[in-house]
Amino acid sequence: MFRHPDWQRRLIGYLESRASTPFEYGIHDCAAFAHGAAEAMTGTALAPDRFGYRTHSGGLRVARRAGLADAAGWLDAHLPSCPHSMARQGDLVLVAGDEGPTLSVCQGPYVYVPMAIEWGTLPLTTGLRAWRIG
């Protein structure tokens, strides 16, 4: 998986398109947000048929049916990992969120995470793990 030469423009466009999207499991949750960012930068869907759930537990069931523990397991199967402190702009980062581990997109010293009405930011220092995109 390689980033397009204009990946930064593509990522910014994706983030802007999601800025006012309300949180909804399977549509605009942390997994969908992170996968969408990766696809915007690379043109490659990590998991073309990955969604279709409507609850957190439903998302876990989808991952477990694929033989994985959770969304992080899906990324482990498809992307190289790195320490969260080494994440670069556009890489995916698992952070400690208010409701448990949350997938996010690195933007320098911060990460973008989907929130109830839009996306928000958390410090990269809240990271637990990270995966390289291209």
N, C-alpha and C. Protein backbone atom coordinates (compact mmCIF):
# COMPACT_ATOMS: atom_id res chain seq x y z
N MET A 1 0.85 -1.17 0.00
CA MET A 1 0.00 0.00 0.00
C MET A 1 0.90 1.23 0.00
N PHE A 2 0.70 2.11 -0.96
CA PHE A 2 1.50 3.32 -1.08
C PHE A 2 0.61 4.56 -1.09
N ARG A 3 1.11 5.62 -0.52
CA ARG A 3 0.37 6.89 -0.52
C ARG A 3 0.48 7.53 -1.91
N HIS A 4 -0.61 8.14 -2.35
CA HIS A 4 -0.58 8.93 -3.58
C HIS A 4 0.37 10.10 -3.38
N PRO A 5 0.97 10.61 -4.46
CA PRO A 5 1.85 11.78 -4.32
C PRO A 5 1.15 12.97 -3.66
N ASP A 6 -0.15 13.12 -3.86
CA ASP A 6 -0.91 14.22 -3.27
C ASP A 6 -1.71 13.76 -2.04
N TRP A 7 -1.14 12.82 -1.29
CA TRP A 7 -1.85 12.23 -0.16
C TRP A 7 -2.27 13.26 0.88
N GLN A 8 -1.47 14.31 1.07
CA GLN A 8 -1.84 15.31 2.09
C GLN A 8 -3.12 16.03 1.69
N ARG A 9 -3.23 16.41 0.43
CA ARG A 9 -4.45 17.07 -0.06
C ARG A 9 -5.64 16.12 0.07
N ARG A 10 -5.43 14.87 -0.28
CA ARG A 10 -6.50 13.88 -0.18
C ARG A 10 -6.94 13.68 1.28
N LEU A 11 -5.97 13.61 2.20
CA LEU A 11 -6.29 13.43 3.61
C LEU A 11 -7.05 14.64 4.14
N ILE A 12 -6.60 15.82 3.82
CA ILE A 12 -7.30 17.03 4.27
C ILE A 12 -8.72 17.05 3.73
N GLY A 13 -8.89 16.70 2.46
CA GLY A 13 -10.23 16.64 1.87
C GLY A 13 -11.12 15.65 2.59
N TYR A 14 -10.55 14.48 2.92
CA TYR A 14 -11.32 13.48 3.66
C TYR A 14 -11.72 14.01 5.03
N LEU A 15 -10.76 14.58 5.76
CA LEU A 15 -11.05 15.10 7.10
C LEU A 15 -12.12 16.19 7.03
N GLU A 16 -12.03 17.07 6.04
CA GLU A 16 -13.04 18.12 5.90
C GLU A 16 -14.41 17.52 5.59
N SER A 17 -14.44 16.45 4.79
CA SER A 17 -15.72 15.84 4.44
C SER A 17 -16.38 15.15 5.64
N ARG A 18 -15.60 14.78 6.64
CA ARG A 18 -16.12 14.10 7.82
C ARG A 18 -16.34 15.05 9.01
N ALA A 19 -15.98 16.31 8.84
CA ALA A 19 -15.99 17.26 9.97
C ALA A 19 -17.35 17.41 10.63
N SER A 20 -18.42 17.34 9.87
CA SER A 20 -19.75 17.53 10.48
C SER A 20 -20.58 16.25 10.42
N THR A 21 -19.94 15.12 10.25
CA THR A 21 -20.64 13.84 10.21
C THR A 21 -20.88 13.35 11.64
N PRO A 22 -22.11 13.06 11.99
CA PRO A 22 -22.37 12.57 13.35
C PRO A 22 -21.83 11.16 13.56
N PHE A 23 -21.42 10.87 14.77
CA PHE A 23 -20.93 9.55 15.13
C PHE A 23 -22.04 8.53 14.93
N GLU A 24 -21.71 7.43 14.27
CA GLU A 24 -22.65 6.34 14.10
C GLU A 24 -21.85 5.06 13.87
N TYR A 25 -22.09 4.06 14.70
CA TYR A 25 -21.36 2.80 14.56
C TYR A 25 -21.55 2.23 13.16
N GLY A 26 -20.45 1.77 12.57
CA GLY A 26 -20.47 1.17 11.24
C GLY A 26 -20.48 2.18 10.11
N ILE A 27 -20.71 3.44 10.41
CA ILE A 27 -20.76 4.50 9.40
C ILE A 27 -19.66 5.53 9.66
N HIS A 28 -19.66 6.10 10.85
CA HIS A 28 -18.65 7.09 11.23
C HIS A 28 -18.26 6.84 12.69
N ASP A 29 -17.55 5.74 12.89
CA ASP A 29 -16.97 5.43 14.19
C ASP A 29 -15.46 5.41 14.00
N CYS A 30 -14.72 5.01 15.01
CA CYS A 30 -13.27 5.10 14.90
C CYS A 30 -12.71 4.19 13.80
N ALA A 31 -13.27 3.00 13.64
CA ALA A 31 -12.78 2.08 12.60
C ALA A 31 -13.07 2.63 11.21
N ALA A 32 -14.30 3.08 10.98
CA ALA A 32 -14.66 3.63 9.67
C ALA A 32 -13.83 4.89 9.37
N PHE A 33 -13.63 5.73 10.37
CA PHE A 33 -12.86 6.96 10.21
C PHE A 33 -11.42 6.65 9.81
N ALA A 34 -10.78 5.74 10.53
CA ALA A 34 -9.39 5.39 10.25
C ALA A 34 -9.25 4.71 8.89
N HIS A 35 -10.14 3.77 8.59
CA HIS A 35 -10.09 3.10 7.29
C HIS A 35 -10.33 4.09 6.15
N GLY A 36 -11.26 5.01 6.35
CA GLY A 36 -11.54 6.02 5.32
C GLY A 36 -10.35 6.92 5.06
N ALA A 37 -9.64 7.29 6.11
CA ALA A 37 -8.43 8.12 5.95
C ALA A 37 -7.37 7.37 5.17
N ALA A 38 -7.16 6.10 5.51
CA ALA A 38 -6.17 5.29 4.79
C ALA A 38 -6.54 5.16 3.33
N GLU A 39 -7.81 4.93 3.05
CA GLU A 39 -8.25 4.81 1.66
C GLU A 39 -8.11 6.12 0.91
N ALA A 40 -8.39 7.23 1.57
CA ALA A 40 -8.23 8.53 0.91
C ALA A 40 -6.79 8.77 0.50
N MET A 41 -5.84 8.40 1.34
CA MET A 41 -4.42 8.63 1.05
C MET A 41 -3.85 7.67 0.02
N THR A 42 -4.39 6.44 -0.02
CA THR A 42 -3.78 5.41 -0.85
C THR A 42 -4.63 4.96 -2.03
N GLY A 43 -5.93 5.17 -1.95
CA GLY A 43 -6.82 4.66 -2.97
C GLY A 43 -7.15 3.18 -2.78
N THR A 44 -6.66 2.59 -1.71
CA THR A 44 -6.87 1.18 -1.43
C THR A 44 -7.71 1.00 -0.17
N ALA A 45 -8.78 0.24 -0.29
CA ALA A 45 -9.61 -0.06 0.87
C ALA A 45 -8.95 -1.18 1.66
N LEU A 46 -8.69 -0.96 2.93
CA LEU A 46 -8.11 -1.99 3.79
C LEU A 46 -9.06 -3.17 3.95
N ALA A 47 -10.33 -2.87 4.02
CA ALA A 47 -11.34 -3.91 4.23
C ALA A 47 -12.62 -3.48 3.51
N PRO A 48 -12.73 -3.81 2.22
CA PRO A 48 -13.87 -3.32 1.44
C PRO A 48 -15.24 -3.67 2.00
N ASP A 49 -15.36 -4.79 2.69
CA ASP A 49 -16.67 -5.19 3.23
C ASP A 49 -16.65 -5.24 4.75
N ARG A 50 -16.00 -4.27 5.35
CA ARG A 50 -15.70 -4.32 6.77
C ARG A 50 -16.84 -3.92 7.70
N PHE A 51 -17.82 -3.20 7.20
CA PHE A 51 -18.79 -2.63 8.12
C PHE A 51 -20.15 -3.32 8.00
N GLY A 52 -21.18 -2.72 8.50
CA GLY A 52 -22.48 -3.36 8.50
C GLY A 52 -22.98 -3.62 9.91
N TYR A 53 -22.28 -3.13 10.89
CA TYR A 53 -22.71 -3.27 12.28
C TYR A 53 -23.29 -1.94 12.74
N ARG A 54 -24.04 -1.96 13.84
CA ARG A 54 -24.70 -0.75 14.34
C ARG A 54 -24.39 -0.45 15.81
N THR A 55 -23.58 -1.32 16.44
CA THR A 55 -23.23 -1.13 17.84
C THR A 55 -21.75 -1.47 18.03
N HIS A 56 -21.20 -1.07 19.17
CA HIS A 56 -19.81 -1.42 19.48
C HIS A 56 -19.64 -2.94 19.54
N SER A 57 -20.55 -3.61 20.22
CA SER A 57 -20.45 -5.08 20.31
C SER A 57 -20.63 -5.73 18.94
N GLY A 58 -21.44 -5.13 18.08
CA GLY A 58 -21.60 -5.64 16.71
C GLY A 58 -20.30 -5.53 15.94
N GLY A 59 -19.58 -4.45 16.12
CA GLY A 59 -18.28 -4.28 15.47
C GLY A 59 -17.28 -5.32 15.93
N LEU A 60 -17.30 -5.61 17.23
CA LEU A 60 -16.42 -6.66 17.77
C LEU A 60 -16.78 -8.03 17.20
N ARG A 61 -18.09 -8.28 17.02
CA ARG A 61 -18.51 -9.56 16.44
C ARG A 61 -17.99 -9.71 15.01
N VAL A 62 -18.03 -8.61 14.22
CA VAL A 62 -17.51 -8.64 12.84
C VAL A 62 -16.03 -8.98 12.87
N ALA A 63 -15.27 -8.34 13.75
CA ALA A 63 -13.83 -8.62 13.85
C ALA A 63 -13.59 -10.06 14.27
N ARG A 64 -14.33 -10.54 15.23
CA ARG A 64 -14.12 -11.91 15.74
C ARG A 64 -14.48 -12.97 14.70
N ARG A 65 -15.51 -12.68 13.88
CA ARG A 65 -15.85 -13.60 12.79
C ARG A 65 -14.70 -13.71 11.79
N ALA A 66 -13.91 -12.64 11.68
CA ALA A 66 -12.74 -12.65 10.79
C ALA A 66 -11.52 -13.24 11.49
N GLY A 67 -11.69 -13.72 12.71
CA GLY A 67 -10.60 -14.34 13.45
C GLY A 67 -9.71 -13.35 14.18
N LEU A 68 -10.23 -12.15 14.42
CA LEU A 68 -9.45 -11.09 15.06
C LEU A 68 -10.11 -10.66 16.36
N ALA A 69 -9.34 -10.12 17.26
CA ALA A 69 -9.88 -9.70 18.55
C ALA A 69 -10.66 -8.39 18.44
N ASP A 70 -10.21 -7.48 17.57
CA ASP A 70 -10.81 -6.15 17.50
C ASP A 70 -10.28 -5.42 16.26
N ALA A 71 -10.58 -4.13 16.14
CA ALA A 71 -10.13 -3.34 14.99
C ALA A 71 -8.61 -3.25 14.92
N ALA A 72 -7.95 -3.23 16.06
CA ALA A 72 -6.48 -3.21 16.07
C ALA A 72 -5.93 -4.49 15.46
N GLY A 73 -6.57 -5.59 15.70
CA GLY A 73 -6.17 -6.86 15.10
C GLY A 73 -6.26 -6.81 13.59
N TRP A 74 -7.27 -6.13 13.09
CA TRP A 74 -7.42 -5.98 11.64
C TRP A 74 -6.23 -5.20 11.08
N LEU A 75 -5.86 -4.13 11.74
CA LEU A 75 -4.71 -3.34 11.28
C LEU A 75 -3.41 -4.13 11.39
N ASP A 76 -3.26 -4.91 12.46
CA ASP A 76 -2.07 -5.77 12.60
C ASP A 76 -1.93 -6.71 11.40
N ALA A 77 -3.05 -7.18 10.90
CA ALA A 77 -3.04 -8.13 9.79
C ALA A 77 -2.72 -7.47 8.45
N HIS A 78 -2.85 -6.14 8.36
CA HIS A 78 -2.72 -5.48 7.07
C HIS A 78 -1.63 -4.40 6.98
N LEU A 79 -1.17 -3.89 8.10
CA LEU A 79 -0.24 -2.77 8.09
C LEU A 79 0.94 -3.01 9.03
N PRO A 80 2.11 -2.44 8.70
CA PRO A 80 3.23 -2.53 9.65
C PRO A 80 2.98 -1.61 10.85
N SER A 81 3.34 -2.07 12.02
CA SER A 81 3.14 -1.24 13.22
C SER A 81 4.42 -0.49 13.55
N CYS A 82 4.27 0.51 14.40
CA CYS A 82 5.40 1.29 14.90
C CYS A 82 5.00 1.84 16.27
N PRO A 83 5.97 2.27 17.08
CA PRO A 83 5.60 2.90 18.35
C PRO A 83 4.76 4.16 18.08
N HIS A 84 3.77 4.41 18.92
CA HIS A 84 2.92 5.58 18.69
C HIS A 84 3.73 6.87 18.68
N SER A 85 4.81 6.90 19.41
CA SER A 85 5.65 8.12 19.44
C SER A 85 6.36 8.35 18.12
N MET A 86 6.39 7.36 17.23
CA MET A 86 7.04 7.48 15.94
C MET A 86 6.04 7.67 14.80
N ALA A 87 4.76 7.80 15.13
CA ALA A 87 3.74 7.96 14.09
C ALA A 87 3.96 9.27 13.34
N ARG A 88 3.74 9.18 12.03
CA ARG A 88 3.86 10.35 11.16
C ARG A 88 2.47 10.80 10.74
N GLN A 89 2.40 12.00 10.19
CA GLN A 89 1.13 12.51 9.71
C GLN A 89 0.48 11.49 8.77
N GLY A 90 -0.77 11.17 9.04
CA GLY A 90 -1.52 10.22 8.23
C GLY A 90 -1.49 8.80 8.73
N ASP A 91 -0.54 8.46 9.61
CA ASP A 91 -0.53 7.11 10.17
C ASP A 91 -1.72 6.92 11.10
N LEU A 92 -2.10 5.67 11.32
CA LEU A 92 -3.22 5.37 12.21
C LEU A 92 -2.70 5.08 13.60
N VAL A 93 -3.39 5.60 14.60
CA VAL A 93 -2.93 5.48 15.99
C VAL A 93 -4.09 5.02 16.86
N LEU A 94 -3.83 4.03 17.70
CA LEU A 94 -4.79 3.61 18.70
C LEU A 94 -4.52 4.44 19.95
N VAL A 95 -5.52 5.18 20.40
CA VAL A 95 -5.36 6.05 21.57
C VAL A 95 -6.28 5.59 22.69
N ALA A 96 -5.96 6.02 23.90
CA ALA A 96 -6.81 5.76 25.06
C ALA A 96 -7.93 6.80 25.06
N GLY A 97 -9.11 6.42 24.59
CA GLY A 97 -10.25 7.32 24.55
C GLY A 97 -11.09 7.22 25.80
N ASP A 98 -12.08 8.08 25.92
CA ASP A 98 -12.97 8.10 27.08
C ASP A 98 -13.72 6.78 27.26
N GLU A 99 -14.06 6.13 26.15
CA GLU A 99 -14.83 4.89 26.22
C GLU A 99 -13.99 3.67 25.86
N GLY A 100 -12.67 3.78 25.97
CA GLY A 100 -11.79 2.68 25.66
C GLY A 100 -10.90 3.00 24.47
N PRO A 101 -10.11 2.03 24.02
CA PRO A 101 -9.20 2.27 22.90
C PRO A 101 -9.95 2.73 21.65
N THR A 102 -9.40 3.73 20.98
CA THR A 102 -10.04 4.36 19.84
C THR A 102 -9.03 4.54 18.71
N LEU A 103 -9.42 4.20 17.49
CA LEU A 103 -8.55 4.43 16.34
C LEU A 103 -8.64 5.89 15.93
N SER A 104 -7.49 6.42 15.53
CA SER A 104 -7.42 7.83 15.15
C SER A 104 -6.42 8.00 14.02
N VAL A 105 -6.31 9.24 13.53
CA VAL A 105 -5.40 9.57 12.43
C VAL A 105 -4.41 10.61 12.95
N CYS A 106 -3.13 10.32 12.78
CA CYS A 106 -2.08 11.22 13.28
C CYS A 106 -2.00 12.49 12.46
N GLN A 107 -1.88 13.60 13.16
CA GLN A 107 -1.64 14.91 12.55
C GLN A 107 -0.59 15.63 13.39
N GLY A 108 0.65 15.17 13.31
CA GLY A 108 1.73 15.77 14.09
C GLY A 108 1.60 15.42 15.55
N PRO A 109 1.60 16.42 16.45
CA PRO A 109 1.54 16.12 17.88
C PRO A 109 0.13 15.77 18.38
N TYR A 110 -0.84 15.75 17.47
CA TYR A 110 -2.23 15.44 17.81
C TYR A 110 -2.74 14.31 16.93
N VAL A 111 -3.86 13.75 17.32
CA VAL A 111 -4.57 12.77 16.49
C VAL A 111 -6.01 13.23 16.36
N TYR A 112 -6.61 12.92 15.22
CA TYR A 112 -8.03 13.20 15.00
C TYR A 112 -8.82 11.95 15.31
N VAL A 113 -9.90 12.13 16.07
CA VAL A 113 -10.79 11.03 16.43
C VAL A 113 -12.23 11.44 16.15
N PRO A 114 -13.09 10.49 15.74
CA PRO A 114 -14.50 10.84 15.54
C PRO A 114 -15.17 11.09 16.89
N MET A 115 -16.00 12.09 16.94
CA MET A 115 -16.73 12.43 18.17
C MET A 115 -18.23 12.39 17.87
N ALA A 116 -19.05 12.78 18.80
CA ALA A 116 -20.50 12.70 18.66
C ALA A 116 -21.02 13.47 17.44
N ILE A 117 -20.50 14.66 17.18
CA ILE A 117 -21.02 15.47 16.09
C ILE A 117 -19.96 15.75 15.02
N GLU A 118 -18.72 15.69 15.35
CA GLU A 118 -17.64 15.98 14.40
C GLU A 118 -16.42 15.20 14.85
N TRP A 119 -15.26 15.49 14.28
CA TRP A 119 -14.05 14.87 14.81
C TRP A 119 -13.40 15.86 15.76
N GLY A 120 -12.63 15.32 16.68
CA GLY A 120 -11.93 16.12 17.66
C GLY A 120 -10.46 15.73 17.68
N THR A 121 -9.72 16.33 18.58
CA THR A 121 -8.29 16.02 18.68
C THR A 121 -7.93 15.56 20.08
N LEU A 122 -6.92 14.72 20.13
CA LEU A 122 -6.30 14.30 21.38
C LEU A 122 -4.80 14.39 21.18
N PRO A 123 -4.02 14.54 22.24
CA PRO A 123 -2.57 14.54 22.09
C PRO A 123 -2.06 13.17 21.64
N LEU A 124 -1.05 13.17 20.79
CA LEU A 124 -0.42 11.92 20.36
C LEU A 124 0.09 11.13 21.56
N THR A 125 0.39 11.81 22.64
CA THR A 125 0.90 11.13 23.84
C THR A 125 -0.13 10.17 24.45
N THR A 126 -1.41 10.28 24.05
CA THR A 126 -2.42 9.33 24.52
C THR A 126 -2.37 8.03 23.72
N GLY A 127 -1.46 7.96 22.76
CA GLY A 127 -1.35 6.79 21.90
C GLY A 127 -0.93 5.54 22.65
N LEU A 128 -1.41 4.41 22.14
CA LEU A 128 -1.07 3.11 22.67
C LEU A 128 -0.25 2.32 21.65
N ARG A 129 -0.64 2.42 20.40
CA ARG A 129 0.00 1.72 19.28
C ARG A 129 -0.19 2.56 18.02
N ALA A 130 0.56 2.24 16.96
CA ALA A 130 0.39 2.95 15.69
C ALA A 130 0.71 2.03 14.53
N TRP A 131 0.18 2.38 13.36
CA TRP A 131 0.42 1.63 12.13
C TRP A 131 0.77 2.60 11.01
N ARG A 132 1.73 2.21 10.19
CA ARG A 132 2.18 3.04 9.08
C ARG A 132 1.24 2.90 7.89
N ILE A 133 0.95 4.02 7.28
CA ILE A 133 0.24 4.04 6.00
C ILE A 133 1.26 4.44 4.95
N GLY A 134 1.63 3.48 4.12
CA GLY A 134 2.58 3.73 3.03
C GLY A 134 3.94 4.16 3.39
